Amino acid sequence: MGLRIALVAGEASGDLLASHLIAALKARVPALHCEGIGGPKMEAAGFEAWWPYDRLAVHGYVDALKRYRELSRMRRALLNRLLKDPPDVFIGVDAPDFNLWLEQQLRRHGVRTVHFVSPSIWAWRGGRIKRIRTAVDHMLCLFPFEPAIYAAAGIPATYVGHPLADTFPLAPNCREARERLHLPQQAPVFALLPGSRESEVSNLAPLFIDTAKYLLARYPDARFLVPLATRETRTLFEHAQYAADARDLPLSLLFGHAVDAMTAADVVLVASGTASLEAALLKRPMVISYRMGDLQYRLMKRMAYLPWVGLPNILCNEGVVPELLQDNATPEALGEALARWYDDIAARHALAERFTALHHTLRQDTAQRAADIILPMLEASPHDQP
């Protein structure tokens, strides 16, 4: 039958991560068959998608509850298909709420399981490590401090680096980015990233627009770039701009192009999430912000273990960039924090050096290191024996 792996990726970031892994594995085992749930990048790498990855996409607890039955049926159907014809290895790519249960069931039936991207048990819901112990043969970690947590719990884990660090340049070119976006080379440029989810943009767009107004009063020649991930989020931002009577702001809405926007910017205002890590890898000073419902915020704050929410601060184990969250996130506070970065060139250079060191730490050729772990598991699989 040849060697087979099954993978499940639940969103665009997982699709990209898994596509690089599939390419690395197939470079060493050209006849390897890969199948399961994935997206177009995985398919381009030679993956057979039984279901598209966007069928797993949920946005927040409410959406997850609404779609619980649908997702449960899909997961049960996938499990039955995999048990009927077991793969040599199963790889769950992120999506822990979906994948850990699946990995648990498969492992009970003798299928070797790998989970790619550690859940953030170091930030909240640390009790999940008990379930991980029963579900996962090997955890592939993107951050260097994570394997020690798993070692203490008796779970094999390997640090493989972060794939963004492999793809982002060590020295991003601001001048070229401004040329691509038709921006003046000398004007103050601020990138505003209010998130990729509709709920995030709804909560943050009015705040970010008012912050831009505050900065424009201080820097009359300032320009603002707002990369938005979807047509829906762009529409939400446009409505917020109209409601704020801010249609005359020197503000450019971009469809995607987040990396170009941050590279071209002097300073970045970013919603907490992966985009803050992207800004760090692009060596950009930033202010991290977030707003959500009061009840959800209180719950999350009570469950959190760390004093920071932003990945740059967590990875540096220090508050290297400001975090202004919830009630502390006002246009004046955000504007002042952004202005301090813009005005202090020496501080910006020092932060860039810190972020360059972080970039080197995270640049580990992630796909190849992950393949180094998975290939011996494939070769030892009992399912490939005659």
Protein backbone atom coordinates (compact mmCIF):
# COMPACT_ATOMS: atom_id res chain seq x y z
CA MET A 1 0.00 0.00 0.00
CA GLY A 2 2.92 2.38 0.60
CA LEU A 3 3.28 4.89 3.41
CA ARG A 4 0.32 7.10 4.29
CA ILE A 5 -0.24 9.98 6.65
CA ALA A 6 -3.52 11.64 7.53
CA LEU A 7 -3.59 15.31 8.45
CA VAL A 8 -6.22 17.71 9.72
CA ALA A 9 -5.68 21.46 9.41
CA GLY A 10 -8.49 23.75 10.51
CA GLU A 11 -7.62 27.21 9.23
CA ALA A 12 -5.44 29.11 6.77
CA SER A 13 -2.37 29.18 9.02
CA GLY A 14 -2.58 25.41 9.47
CA ASP A 15 -3.00 24.93 5.73
CA LEU A 16 0.24 26.85 5.11
CA LEU A 17 2.13 25.06 7.89
CA ALA A 18 0.98 21.63 6.73
CA SER A 19 1.78 22.39 3.08
CA HIS A 20 5.43 23.03 3.96
CA LEU A 21 5.56 19.83 6.01
CA ILE A 22 4.01 17.77 3.21
CA ALA A 23 6.55 19.17 0.75
CA ALA A 24 9.44 18.32 3.11
CA LEU A 25 8.15 14.78 3.66
CA LYS A 26 7.51 14.11 -0.03
CA ALA A 27 10.99 15.36 -0.90
CA ARG A 28 12.31 12.40 1.10
CA VAL A 29 9.49 9.91 0.42
CA PRO A 30 8.10 10.79 -3.02
CA ALA A 31 5.46 8.02 -2.93
CA LEU A 32 4.06 9.17 0.43
CA HIS A 33 0.28 9.58 0.30
CA CYS A 34 -1.24 12.41 2.37
CA GLU A 35 -4.99 12.74 2.99
CA GLY A 36 -7.60 14.15 5.37
CA ILE A 37 -8.89 17.68 5.96
CA GLY A 38 -6.94 20.57 4.48
CA GLY A 39 -6.85 23.56 2.21
CA PRO A 40 -5.61 24.67 -1.22
CA LYS A 41 -1.95 25.04 -0.22
CA MET A 42 -1.91 21.47 1.08
CA GLU A 43 -3.59 20.25 -2.11
CA ALA A 44 -0.97 22.06 -4.19
CA ALA A 45 1.69 20.14 -2.24
CA GLY A 46 0.05 16.83 -3.18
CA PHE A 47 -2.61 16.37 -0.48
CA GLU A 48 -5.94 14.61 -1.02
CA ALA A 49 -8.61 16.67 0.78
CA TRP A 50 -11.64 14.68 1.89
CA TRP A 51 -13.16 17.84 3.36
CA PRO A 52 -12.00 21.49 2.92
CA TYR A 53 -10.40 23.03 5.98
CA ASP A 54 -12.86 25.94 6.11
CA ARG A 55 -15.57 23.50 7.21
CA LEU A 56 -13.82 23.53 10.62
CA ALA A 57 -13.60 27.31 10.96
CA VAL A 58 -15.39 28.68 14.02
CA HIS A 59 -15.24 32.19 15.46
CA GLY A 60 -15.60 32.26 19.23
CA TYR A 61 -17.57 30.20 21.73
CA VAL A 62 -21.01 31.09 20.39
CA ASP A 63 -20.21 29.95 16.86
CA ALA A 64 -18.60 26.78 18.23
CA LEU A 65 -21.75 25.93 20.19
CA LYS A 66 -24.00 26.59 17.20
CA ARG A 67 -21.96 24.25 15.01
CA TYR A 68 -21.17 21.60 17.63
CA ARG A 69 -23.38 18.90 16.10
CA GLU A 70 -22.15 19.52 12.57
CA LEU A 71 -18.50 19.40 13.63
CA SER A 72 -19.08 16.32 15.79
CA ARG A 73 -20.65 14.46 12.86
CA MET A 74 -17.73 15.38 10.62
CA ARG A 75 -15.19 14.31 13.21
CA ARG A 76 -16.97 11.00 13.81
CA ALA A 77 -17.15 10.32 10.05
CA LEU A 78 -13.44 11.09 9.72
CA LEU A 79 -12.59 8.82 12.66
CA ASN A 80 -14.58 5.94 11.18
CA ARG A 81 -12.85 6.35 7.83
CA LEU A 82 -9.41 6.41 9.45
CA LEU A 83 -10.11 3.38 11.65
CA LYS A 84 -11.38 1.40 8.66
CA ASP A 85 -8.10 2.04 6.83
CA PRO A 86 -5.57 3.31 9.39
CA PRO A 87 -2.78 5.64 8.29
CA ASP A 88 0.79 5.07 9.37
CA VAL A 89 0.80 8.38 11.25
CA PHE A 90 -1.88 10.95 12.01
CA ILE A 91 -0.85 14.63 12.29
CA GLY A 92 -3.18 17.15 13.84
CA VAL A 93 -2.13 20.62 12.76
CA ASP A 94 -3.20 23.07 15.45
CA ALA A 95 -7.05 23.09 15.89
CA PRO A 96 -6.70 21.41 19.31
CA ASP A 97 -10.40 21.34 20.18
CA PHE A 98 -11.05 19.23 17.08
CA ASN A 99 -7.80 17.29 16.82
CA LEU A 100 -7.01 16.20 20.37
CA TRP A 101 -10.18 14.11 20.66
CA LEU A 102 -9.46 12.57 17.27
CA GLU A 103 -5.84 11.84 18.20
CA GLN A 104 -6.99 10.26 21.46
CA GLN A 105 -9.32 7.85 19.68
CA LEU A 106 -6.79 6.95 16.99
CA ARG A 107 -4.01 6.36 19.48
CA ARG A 108 -6.22 3.94 21.42
CA HIS A 109 -6.43 1.90 18.22
CA GLY A 110 -2.67 1.84 17.68
CA VAL A 111 -2.25 4.76 15.27
CA ARG A 112 0.80 6.91 16.01
CA THR A 113 -0.19 10.55 16.52
CA VAL A 114 1.67 13.84 16.19
CA HIS A 115 0.30 17.24 17.14
CA PHE A 116 1.89 20.14 15.28
CA VAL A 117 1.67 23.46 17.20
CA SER A 118 1.38 23.23 20.95
CA PRO A 119 -1.84 24.59 22.44
CA SER A 120 -1.04 27.64 24.55
CA ILE A 121 -1.19 25.70 27.83
CA TRP A 122 1.46 28.08 29.16
CA ALA A 123 -1.00 30.98 28.82
CA TRP A 124 -4.31 29.43 29.93
CA ARG A 125 -6.18 26.09 30.26
CA GLY A 126 -3.08 24.29 31.46
CA GLY A 127 -5.22 21.32 32.51
CA ARG A 128 -5.36 20.28 28.85
CA ILE A 129 -1.93 18.68 29.27
CA LYS A 130 -3.62 15.65 30.88
CA ARG A 131 -5.62 15.07 27.72
CA ILE A 132 -2.58 15.72 25.56
CA ARG A 133 -0.72 12.97 27.42
CA THR A 134 -3.34 10.42 26.37
CA ALA A 135 -3.69 11.74 22.82
CA VAL A 136 -0.24 12.54 21.48
CA ASP A 137 2.83 10.42 20.77
CA HIS A 138 4.89 13.50 19.92
CA MET A 139 4.29 17.24 20.21
CA LEU A 140 5.98 19.57 17.72
CA CYS A 141 6.51 22.97 19.36
CA LEU A 142 6.95 26.32 17.66
CA PHE A 143 8.43 28.12 20.68
CA PRO A 144 11.67 27.22 22.50
CA PHE A 145 10.25 27.25 26.03
CA GLU A 146 7.48 24.71 25.30
CA PRO A 147 9.30 21.32 25.23
CA ALA A 148 10.32 21.66 28.90
CA ILE A 149 6.63 21.90 29.87
CA TYR A 150 5.89 18.64 28.08
CA ALA A 151 9.01 16.92 29.39
CA ALA A 152 7.83 17.60 32.94
CA ALA A 153 4.56 15.84 32.06
CA GLY A 154 6.29 12.89 30.39
CA ILE A 155 5.24 13.82 26.85
CA PRO A 156 7.82 13.62 24.02
CA ALA A 157 8.16 17.04 22.44
CA THR A 158 10.57 18.78 20.08
CA TYR A 159 11.17 22.44 19.33
CA VAL A 160 11.05 22.91 15.55
CA GLY A 161 11.02 26.70 15.32
CA HIS A 162 8.40 28.96 13.83
CA PRO A 163 7.70 28.80 10.07
CA LEU A 164 7.25 32.57 9.80
CA ALA A 165 10.86 33.01 10.89
CA ASP A 166 11.95 30.87 7.95
CA THR A 167 10.03 32.91 5.40
CA PHE A 168 10.46 36.47 6.70
CA PRO A 169 13.70 38.28 5.77
CA LEU A 170 16.12 39.11 8.55
CA ALA A 171 16.37 42.67 7.21
CA PRO A 172 13.03 43.83 5.75
CA ASN A 173 13.23 46.63 3.18
CA CYS A 174 11.04 49.57 4.19
CA ARG A 175 11.95 51.65 1.14
CA GLU A 176 10.87 48.95 -1.32
CA ALA A 177 7.63 48.34 0.58
CA ARG A 178 6.77 52.04 0.43
CA GLU A 179 7.47 52.08 -3.29
CA ARG A 180 5.13 49.11 -3.81
CA LEU A 181 2.41 50.88 -1.86
CA HIS A 182 3.07 54.29 -3.51
CA LEU A 183 3.93 55.97 -0.22
CA PRO A 184 6.29 58.91 0.34
CA GLN A 185 9.62 57.85 1.79
CA GLN A 186 9.77 60.54 4.48
CA ALA A 187 6.18 60.74 5.78
CA PRO A 188 5.25 59.14 9.12
CA VAL A 189 3.49 55.85 8.29
CA PHE A 190 1.42 53.87 10.79
CA ALA A 191 0.02 50.40 10.09
CA LEU A 192 -3.28 49.59 11.83
CA LEU A 193 -4.13 45.88 12.09
CA PRO A 194 -7.50 45.38 13.82
CA GLY A 195 -7.51 41.58 13.44
CA SER A 196 -8.70 39.00 10.94
CA ARG A 197 -12.04 38.05 12.52
CA GLU A 198 -15.21 40.05 12.04
CA SER A 199 -15.74 40.29 15.82
CA GLU A 200 -12.25 41.75 16.26
CA VAL A 201 -12.73 44.36 13.55
CA SER A 202 -16.16 45.30 14.95
CA ASN A 203 -14.63 45.88 18.38
CA LEU A 204 -11.41 47.60 17.30
CA ALA A 205 -12.16 49.56 14.13
CA PRO A 206 -13.76 52.60 15.87
CA LEU A 207 -10.90 52.69 18.39
CA PHE A 208 -8.20 52.46 15.72
CA ILE A 209 -9.87 55.14 13.58
CA ASP A 210 -10.05 57.53 16.56
CA THR A 211 -6.39 56.75 17.29
CA ALA A 212 -5.51 57.69 13.70
CA LYS A 213 -7.34 61.00 14.16
CA TYR A 214 -5.32 61.63 17.32
CA LEU A 215 -2.04 60.90 15.52
CA LEU A 216 -2.95 63.03 12.49
CA ALA A 217 -3.39 66.04 14.77
CA ARG A 218 0.17 65.46 15.95
CA TYR A 219 1.69 64.48 12.57
CA PRO A 220 -0.24 66.33 9.80
CA ASP A 221 1.58 64.48 7.01
CA ALA A 222 0.99 61.01 8.51
CA ARG A 223 -0.31 58.12 6.43
CA PHE A 224 -2.27 55.10 7.73
CA LEU A 225 -2.38 51.60 6.25
CA VAL A 226 -5.13 49.13 7.18
CA PRO A 227 -4.71 45.61 5.76
CA LEU A 228 -7.93 43.60 6.02
CA ALA A 229 -8.24 39.87 5.46
CA THR A 230 -11.69 39.54 3.90
CA ARG A 231 -14.37 41.47 2.08
CA GLU A 232 -16.54 41.25 5.22
CA THR A 233 -13.92 42.80 7.49
CA ARG A 234 -13.25 45.53 4.94
CA THR A 235 -16.97 46.38 4.87
CA LEU A 236 -17.06 46.52 8.67
CA PHE A 237 -14.10 48.90 8.73
CA GLU A 238 -15.62 51.12 6.05
CA HIS A 239 -18.85 51.37 8.05
CA ALA A 240 -16.86 52.33 11.16
CA GLN A 241 -14.98 54.95 9.16
CA TYR A 242 -18.23 56.40 7.88
CA ALA A 243 -19.78 56.41 11.37
CA ALA A 244 -16.72 58.24 12.74
CA ASP A 245 -16.95 60.88 9.99
CA ALA A 246 -13.40 59.90 9.04
CA ARG A 247 -13.70 59.46 5.30
CA ASP A 248 -11.12 62.22 4.77
CA LEU A 249 -8.42 60.48 6.83
CA PRO A 250 -5.25 59.71 4.80
CA LEU A 251 -6.04 56.05 5.30
CA SER A 252 -5.52 53.24 2.76
CA LEU A 253 -7.55 50.06 3.10
CA LEU A 254 -5.64 47.09 1.69
CA PHE A 255 -6.99 43.68 0.77
CA GLY A 256 -4.39 41.55 2.55
CA HIS A 257 -0.81 42.86 2.13
CA ALA A 258 -0.34 42.90 5.92
CA VAL A 259 3.38 42.15 5.61
CA ASP A 260 3.88 44.98 3.11
CA ALA A 261 1.92 47.36 5.34
CA MET A 262 3.97 46.55 8.43
CA THR A 263 7.26 46.63 6.51
CA ALA A 264 6.41 50.09 5.15
CA ALA A 265 5.32 51.43 8.54
CA ASP A 266 7.37 53.27 11.13
CA VAL A 267 5.15 51.94 13.93
CA VAL A 268 2.39 49.32 14.08
CA LEU A 269 -0.85 49.23 16.08
CA VAL A 270 -1.89 45.58 16.16
CA ALA A 271 -4.56 43.39 17.68
CA SER A 272 -3.13 40.70 19.93
CA GLY A 273 -2.45 37.53 17.94
CA THR A 274 -0.10 36.11 15.32
CA ALA A 275 0.16 39.52 13.60
CA SER A 276 2.10 40.81 16.61
CA LEU A 277 4.71 38.08 16.03
CA GLU A 278 4.83 39.05 12.35
CA ALA A 279 5.49 42.65 13.36
CA ALA A 280 8.33 41.48 15.63
CA LEU A 281 9.90 39.40 12.84
CA LEU A 282 9.67 42.51 10.63
CA LYS A 283 11.55 44.39 13.40
CA ARG A 284 8.78 46.93 13.82
CA PRO A 285 7.98 48.80 17.04
CA MET A 286 4.38 48.21 17.98
CA VAL A 287 1.58 48.74 20.43
CA ILE A 288 -0.62 45.72 21.10
CA SER A 289 -4.30 46.25 21.82
CA TYR A 290 -7.48 44.24 22.22
CA ARG A 291 -11.10 44.68 23.20
CA MET A 292 -13.82 42.09 23.75
CA GLY A 293 -17.03 41.71 25.75
CA ASP A 294 -16.57 42.53 29.44
CA LEU A 295 -17.71 39.11 30.64
CA GLN A 296 -15.42 37.27 28.22
CA TYR A 297 -12.51 39.54 29.15
CA ARG A 298 -12.95 38.94 32.87
CA LEU A 299 -13.12 35.19 32.28
CA MET A 300 -10.00 35.16 30.11
CA LYS A 301 -8.09 37.36 32.54
CA ARG A 302 -8.99 35.08 35.45
CA MET A 303 -7.78 32.02 33.52
CA ALA A 304 -4.52 33.57 32.25
CA TYR A 305 -1.14 32.62 33.72
CA LEU A 306 1.13 35.27 32.23
CA PRO A 307 1.36 39.04 32.69
CA TRP A 308 1.35 39.56 28.89
CA VAL A 309 -0.94 38.60 26.01
CA GLY A 310 1.35 39.59 23.11
CA LEU A 311 3.69 36.97 21.66
CA PRO A 312 6.66 39.40 21.40
CA ASN A 313 6.53 40.01 25.15
CA ILE A 314 5.95 36.34 25.96
CA LEU A 315 8.87 35.21 23.80
CA CYS A 316 11.18 37.89 25.15
CA ASN A 317 9.92 37.17 28.69
CA GLU A 318 9.70 40.91 29.19
CA GLY A 319 7.33 43.75 28.36
CA VAL A 320 9.32 45.03 25.40
CA VAL A 321 6.26 46.58 23.71
CA PRO A 322 3.21 48.22 25.32
CA GLU A 323 -0.04 46.30 25.74
CA LEU A 324 -3.15 48.44 26.13
CA LEU A 325 -6.21 46.25 26.59
CA GLN A 326 -9.91 46.67 27.21
CA ASP A 327 -10.63 49.87 29.24
CA ASN A 328 -6.98 50.93 29.02
CA ALA A 329 -7.26 51.02 25.24
CA THR A 330 -8.30 54.61 24.52
CA PRO A 331 -7.42 56.70 21.46
CA GLU A 332 -5.32 59.02 23.61
CA ALA A 333 -3.39 56.21 25.33
CA LEU A 334 -2.78 54.35 22.09
CA GLY A 335 -1.84 57.52 20.23
CA GLU A 336 0.67 58.55 22.89
CA ALA A 337 2.25 55.08 22.98
CA LEU A 338 2.59 55.04 19.18
CA ALA A 339 3.99 58.57 19.14
CA ARG A 340 6.63 57.66 21.73
CA TRP A 341 7.93 54.94 19.42
CA TYR A 342 7.89 57.25 16.40
CA ASP A 343 9.74 60.04 18.19
CA ASP A 344 12.40 57.83 19.85
CA ILE A 345 14.61 56.55 17.03
CA ALA A 346 17.18 55.10 19.44
CA ALA A 347 14.51 53.01 21.17
CA ARG A 348 13.31 51.75 17.80
CA HIS A 349 16.82 50.64 16.85
CA ALA A 350 17.33 48.88 20.19
CA LEU A 351 14.02 47.03 19.78
CA ALA A 352 14.98 45.99 16.23
CA GLU A 353 18.18 44.42 17.61
CA ARG A 354 16.15 42.53 20.21
CA PHE A 355 13.73 41.29 17.58
CA THR A 356 16.59 40.26 15.28
CA ALA A 357 17.97 38.01 18.05
CA LEU A 358 14.47 36.55 18.50
CA HIS A 359 14.23 35.95 14.75
CA HIS A 360 17.46 33.93 14.77
CA THR A 361 16.14 31.85 17.68
CA LEU A 362 12.89 31.04 15.87
CA ARG A 363 14.50 30.38 12.46
CA GLN A 364 15.06 26.61 12.59
CA ASP A 365 13.91 25.32 9.16
CA THR A 366 10.65 24.19 10.73
CA ALA A 367 9.37 21.84 8.03
CA GLN A 368 12.65 19.91 7.83
CA ARG A 369 12.95 19.58 11.60
CA ALA A 370 9.36 18.37 11.82
CA ALA A 371 10.03 15.87 9.03
CA ASP A 372 13.04 14.58 10.98
CA ILE A 373 10.68 13.58 13.80
CA ILE A 374 7.90 12.15 11.64
CA LEU A 375 9.91 10.00 9.20
CA PRO A 376 11.20 7.51 11.81
CA MET A 377 7.63 7.14 13.09
CA LEU A 378 6.48 6.37 9.54
CA GLU A 379 9.20 3.80 8.99
CA ALA A 380 8.37 2.05 12.26
CA SER A 381 4.62 2.02 11.66
CA PRO A 382 3.00 -1.40 12.13
CA HIS A 383 0.43 -0.51 9.45
CA ASP A 384 3.00 -0.73 6.69
CA GLN A 385 4.12 -4.24 7.58
CA PRO A 386 3.07 -7.11 5.25
